[in-house]
C-alpha atoms as a PDB file:
ATOM      1  CA  MET A   1     -11.887  66.825 -70.798  1.00  0.00           C
ATOM      2  CA  THR A   2     -13.566  69.829 -69.255  1.00  0.00           C
ATOM      3  CA  GLY A   3     -12.796  73.501 -69.561  1.00  0.00           C
ATOM      4  CA  PHE A   4     -11.597  75.485 -72.527  1.00  0.00           C
ATOM      5  CA  VAL A   5      -9.762  73.321 -75.084  1.00  0.00           C
ATOM      6  CA  ALA A   6      -7.421  74.455 -77.848  1.00  0.00           C
ATOM      7  CA  THR A   7      -5.603  72.216 -80.285  1.00  0.00           C
ATOM      8  CA  GLY A   8      -2.538  73.471 -82.057  1.00  0.00           C
ATOM      9  CA  PHE A   9       0.166  72.389 -84.447  1.00  0.00           C
ATOM     10  CA  ALA A  10       3.681  73.652 -85.109  1.00  0.00           C
ATOM     11  CA  PRO A  11       5.515  72.229 -88.139  1.00  0.00           C
ATOM     12  CA  CYS A  12       9.193  71.533 -87.424  1.00  0.00           C
ATOM     13  CA  THR A  13      11.986  69.116 -88.321  1.00  0.00           C
ATOM     14  CA  GLN A  14      12.917  67.724 -84.875  1.00  0.00           C
ATOM     15  CA  PRO A  15       9.737  67.615 -82.798  1.00  0.00           C
ATOM     16  CA  ALA A  16      10.807  64.850 -80.389  1.00  0.00           C
ATOM     17  CA  ARG A  17      14.076  66.612 -79.627  1.00  0.00           C
ATOM     18  CA  TYR A  18      12.340  69.913 -78.871  1.00  0.00           C
ATOM     19  CA  LEU A  19       9.760  68.254 -76.641  1.00  0.00           C
ATOM     20  CA  GLN A  20      12.412  66.339 -74.723  1.00  0.00           C
ATOM     21  CA  GLN A  21      14.269  69.600 -74.070  1.00  0.00           C
ATOM     22  CA  LEU A  22      11.032  71.260 -72.968  1.00  0.00           C
ATOM     23  CA  VAL A  23      10.295  68.429 -70.514  1.00  0.00           C
ATOM     24  CA  LYS A  24      13.768  68.771 -68.999  1.00  0.00           C
ATOM     25  CA  HIS A  25      13.363  72.534 -68.728  1.00  0.00           C
ATOM     26  CA  TRP A  26       9.847  72.564 -67.252  1.00  0.00           C
ATOM     27  CA  GLY A  27      10.557  69.465 -65.137  1.00  0.00           C
ATOM     28  CA  HIS A  28      12.365  71.713 -62.673  1.00  0.00           C
ATOM     29  CA  LYS A  29       9.145  73.668 -62.089  1.00  0.00           C
ATOM     30  CA  MET A  30       6.338  71.088 -62.476  1.00  0.00           C
ATOM     31  CA  ALA A  31       5.741  67.368 -62.833  1.00  0.00           C
ATOM     32  CA  ALA A  32       6.409  67.263 -66.584  1.00  0.00           C
ATOM     33  CA  SER A  33       6.476  63.794 -68.122  1.00  0.00           C
ATOM     34  CA  TRP A  34       7.852  62.164 -71.262  1.00  0.00           C
ATOM     35  CA  ASP A  35       6.666  58.774 -72.487  1.00  0.00           C
ATOM     36  CA  GLY A  36       9.046  55.907 -73.174  1.00  0.00           C
ATOM     37  CA  GLU A  37       8.534  56.162 -76.910  1.00  0.00           C
ATOM     38  CA  GLY A  38       9.806  59.739 -76.981  1.00  0.00           C
ATOM     39  CA  GLN A  39       6.621  61.059 -78.509  1.00  0.00           C
ATOM     40  CA  VAL A  40       4.323  62.557 -75.861  1.00  0.00           C
ATOM     41  CA  ALA A  41       5.000  65.225 -73.252  1.00  0.00           C
ATOM     42  CA  ALA A  42       2.493  66.223 -70.561  1.00  0.00           C
ATOM     43  CA  PHE A  43       2.546  69.433 -68.540  1.00  0.00           C
ATOM     44  CA  PRO A  44       0.195  70.066 -65.594  1.00  0.00           C
ATOM     45  CA  PHE A  45       0.379  73.864 -65.344  1.00  0.00           C
ATOM     46  CA  ALA A  46      -2.194  74.172 -62.547  1.00  0.00           C
ATOM     47  CA  GLU A  47      -5.281  72.406 -61.181  1.00  0.00           C
ATOM     48  CA  HIS A  48      -7.399  73.114 -64.293  1.00  0.00           C
ATOM     49  CA  ASP A  49      -4.607  73.813 -66.809  1.00  0.00           C
ATOM     50  CA  ASN A  50      -2.634  71.174 -68.677  1.00  0.00           C
ATOM     51  CA  ALA A  51      -1.037  70.530 -72.026  1.00  0.00           C
ATOM     52  CA  VAL A  52      -0.216  67.369 -73.936  1.00  0.00           C
ATOM     53  CA  MET A  53       2.202  67.679 -76.838  1.00  0.00           C
ATOM     54  CA  THR A  54       2.872  64.911 -79.316  1.00  0.00           C
ATOM     55  CA  ALA A  55       5.862  64.640 -81.627  1.00  0.00           C
ATOM     56  CA  GLN A  56       4.652  63.728 -85.100  1.00  0.00           C
ATOM     57  CA  SER A  57       6.719  63.152 -88.205  1.00  0.00           C
ATOM     58  CA  ASP A  58       6.179  66.726 -89.429  1.00  0.00           C
ATOM     59  CA  GLY A  59       5.806  68.727 -86.215  1.00  0.00           C
ATOM     60  CA  ILE A  60       4.309  69.055 -82.756  1.00  0.00           C
ATOM     61  CA  ALA A  61       0.604  68.552 -82.039  1.00  0.00           C
ATOM     62  CA  ILE A  62      -0.631  70.363 -78.924  1.00  0.00           C
ATOM     63  CA  THR A  63      -3.774  69.950 -76.826  1.00  0.00           C
ATOM     64  CA  LEU A  64      -4.167  72.671 -74.207  1.00  0.00           C
ATOM     65  CA  VAL A  65      -6.951  72.572 -71.600  1.00  0.00           C
ATOM     66  CA  THR A  66      -7.586  75.512 -69.275  1.00  0.00           C
ATOM     67  CA  GLY A  67     -10.354  76.812 -67.053  1.00  0.00           C
ATOM     68  CA  ASP A  68     -11.147  79.755 -69.338  1.00  0.00           C
ATOM     69  CA  ALA A  69     -10.332  81.371 -72.680  1.00  0.00           C
ATOM     70  CA  ASP A  70      -8.048  84.105 -71.284  1.00  0.00           C
ATOM     71  CA  ARG A  71      -5.859  81.597 -69.478  1.00  0.00           C
ATOM     72  CA  ASN A  72      -5.768  79.463 -72.625  1.00  0.00           C
ATOM     73  CA  GLU A  73      -4.538  82.389 -74.676  1.00  0.00           C
ATOM     74  CA  GLN A  74      -1.884  83.186 -72.051  1.00  0.00           C
ATOM     75  CA  LEU A  75      -0.569  79.604 -71.928  1.00  0.00           C
ATOM     76  CA  ARG A  76      -0.450  79.368 -75.723  1.00  0.00           C
ATOM     77  CA  GLY A  77       2.048  82.222 -75.633  1.00  0.00           C
ATOM     78  CA  VAL A  78       4.089  80.473 -72.939  1.00  0.00           C
ATOM     79  CA  ILE A  79       4.190  77.271 -74.985  1.00  0.00           C
ATOM     80  CA  GLU A  80       5.100  79.087 -78.208  1.00  0.00           C
ATOM     81  CA  ARG A  81       7.902  81.119 -76.621  1.00  0.00           C
ATOM     82  CA  HIS A  82       9.434  78.059 -74.994  1.00  0.00           C
ATOM     83  CA  LEU A  83       9.210  75.837 -78.072  1.00  0.00           C
ATOM     84  CA  ASP A  84      10.716  78.610 -80.192  1.00  0.00           C
ATOM     85  CA  ARG A  85      13.606  78.827 -77.740  1.00  0.00           C
ATOM     86  CA  PHE A  86      14.458  75.143 -78.238  1.00  0.00           C
ATOM     87  CA  ALA A  87      13.752  75.240 -81.979  1.00  0.00           C
ATOM     88  CA  PHE A  88      15.921  78.343 -82.411  1.00  0.00           C
ATOM     89  CA  ARG A  89      17.317  77.191 -85.767  1.00  0.00           C
ATOM     90  CA  GLU A  90      13.773  77.062 -87.179  1.00  0.00           C
ATOM     91  CA  ALA A  91      12.150  79.751 -85.046  1.00  0.00           C
ATOM     92  CA  PRO A  92       9.776  81.310 -85.026  1.00  0.00           C
ATOM     93  CA  LEU A  93       7.658  78.221 -85.661  1.00  0.00           C
ATOM     94  CA  GLN A  94       4.327  78.760 -87.403  1.00  0.00           C
ATOM     95  CA  TYR A  95       1.572  77.814 -84.933  1.00  0.00           C
ATOM     96  CA  THR A  96      -2.018  77.147 -85.884  1.00  0.00           C
ATOM     97  CA  TRP A  97      -4.672  76.923 -83.154  1.00  0.00           C
ATOM     98  CA  GLU A  98      -8.332  75.887 -83.014  1.00  0.00           C
ATOM     99  CA  SER A  99     -10.424  76.513 -79.898  1.00  0.00           C
ATOM    100  CA  LYS A 100     -13.502  74.933 -78.334  1.00  0.00           C
ATOM    101  CA  PRO A 101     -15.167  76.319 -75.198  1.00  0.00           C
END
């Protein structure tokens, strides 16, 4: 992985459901994918920007790779707003992020 990497986590009760809804939503705009196990969603935002989100038993783990820190910060907000929309009964989710240039 190259670029600016951030890992995040959002505790929630139905992570696979929220990710599946997000894949359907973003699938109209980009080549979003969902694995057969219903656990991992991948989103290629642009040439150097992508996210992989994994449904875990207690929430959603996120790995976001971008070309620079500003773009990473911007896409974190996009991800958070969209996940909160699908997790409206629990929203706003509490996101924690760690970054590595």
